[in-house]
Amino acid sequence: MTTPRSGSGNPGELVTIVLNGEVRSVGAGLTVAGLLRSLELHPGMVVVERNRAILPREALQATPVEEGDRIELVHFVGGG
């Protein structure tokens, strides 16, 4: 089993984050945009808060998911 840690993004390497209040291990080297893709979420339908700061949509692709990050995802729901 691989020990969760941050690092170079080697295959099989994991980092531990808190996603919407739940501890999760995700692949090292993942960006926030990649995290959203892995969760099958469209970036235009969620607001991402990383470590208590709202991320602008244009920053999702370049922002790495790092060991210990606290990420909250708020989904937009349509209806009437």
Protein backbone atom coordinates (compact mmCIF):
# COMPACT_ATOMS: atom_id res chain seq x y z
CA MET A 1 0.00 0.00 0.00
CA THR A 2 1.27 3.50 -0.84
CA THR A 3 1.68 5.95 2.02
CA PRO A 4 -0.26 9.17 1.33
CA ARG A 5 2.15 12.07 0.91
CA SER A 6 2.75 14.98 -1.36
CA GLY A 7 5.45 14.69 -3.93
CA SER A 8 6.44 14.52 -7.52
CA GLY A 9 3.28 12.90 -8.83
CA ASN A 10 4.77 9.44 -9.37
CA PRO A 11 2.27 6.80 -10.46
CA GLY A 12 0.54 5.29 -7.46
CA GLU A 13 1.53 8.13 -5.15
CA LEU A 14 -1.31 9.61 -3.10
CA VAL A 15 -2.04 12.74 -1.10
CA THR A 16 -4.64 13.04 1.63
CA ILE A 17 -7.18 15.88 1.47
CA VAL A 18 -10.46 16.76 3.15
CA LEU A 19 -13.22 16.99 0.54
CA ASN A 20 -16.55 18.35 1.76
CA GLY A 21 -15.66 17.31 5.30
CA GLU A 22 -14.51 13.76 4.42
CA VAL A 23 -10.90 12.56 4.40
CA ARG A 24 -9.94 11.19 0.97
CA SER A 25 -6.79 10.02 -0.77
CA VAL A 26 -6.31 11.23 -4.34
CA GLY A 27 -3.52 10.88 -6.88
CA ALA A 28 -0.51 13.12 -6.40
CA GLY A 29 -0.03 15.67 -9.15
CA LEU A 30 -3.78 16.14 -9.65
CA THR A 31 -5.07 19.63 -10.34
CA VAL A 32 -8.39 20.93 -9.04
CA ALA A 33 -9.77 20.62 -12.58
CA GLY A 34 -8.60 17.00 -12.64
CA LEU A 35 -10.27 16.37 -9.30
CA LEU A 36 -13.54 17.73 -10.66
CA ARG A 37 -13.21 15.48 -13.75
CA SER A 38 -12.56 12.44 -11.55
CA LEU A 39 -15.75 13.26 -9.63
CA GLU A 40 -17.63 13.72 -12.93
CA LEU A 41 -18.43 17.35 -12.07
CA HIS A 42 -18.60 20.15 -14.63
CA PRO A 43 -16.50 23.16 -13.52
CA GLY A 44 -19.28 25.53 -14.55
CA MET A 45 -21.69 23.87 -12.13
CA VAL A 46 -19.65 24.11 -8.93
CA VAL A 47 -17.90 26.69 -6.81
CA VAL A 48 -14.59 25.46 -5.41
CA GLU A 49 -13.25 26.64 -2.08
CA ARG A 50 -9.67 25.54 -1.36
CA ASN A 51 -8.27 26.21 2.09
CA ARG A 52 -10.98 28.81 2.77
CA ALA A 53 -10.41 30.74 -0.47
CA ILE A 54 -12.76 30.66 -3.46
CA LEU A 55 -10.88 29.61 -6.60
CA PRO A 56 -11.69 31.47 -9.80
CA ARG A 57 -12.68 29.09 -12.60
CA GLU A 58 -9.70 30.18 -14.69
CA ALA A 59 -7.36 28.94 -11.90
CA LEU A 60 -8.77 25.39 -11.64
CA GLN A 61 -6.50 23.90 -14.32
CA ALA A 62 -3.31 25.34 -12.82
CA THR A 63 -4.06 24.82 -9.12
CA PRO A 64 -2.57 21.62 -7.69
CA VAL A 65 -4.30 19.48 -5.12
CA GLU A 66 -1.78 19.23 -2.28
CA GLU A 67 -1.39 17.20 0.90
CA GLY A 68 -3.72 18.50 3.62
CA ASP A 69 -5.87 20.68 1.34
CA ARG A 70 -9.40 21.33 2.55
CA ILE A 71 -11.66 21.51 -0.48
CA GLU A 72 -15.36 22.33 -0.41
CA LEU A 73 -17.50 21.96 -3.51
CA VAL A 74 -20.82 23.77 -3.75
CA HIS A 75 -23.10 22.51 -6.53
CA PHE A 76 -25.51 24.69 -8.45
CA VAL A 77 -28.94 23.12 -8.80
CA GLY A 78 -31.52 24.34 -11.27
CA GLY A 79 -35.22 24.12 -10.75
CA GLY A 80 -38.34 26.06 -10.59
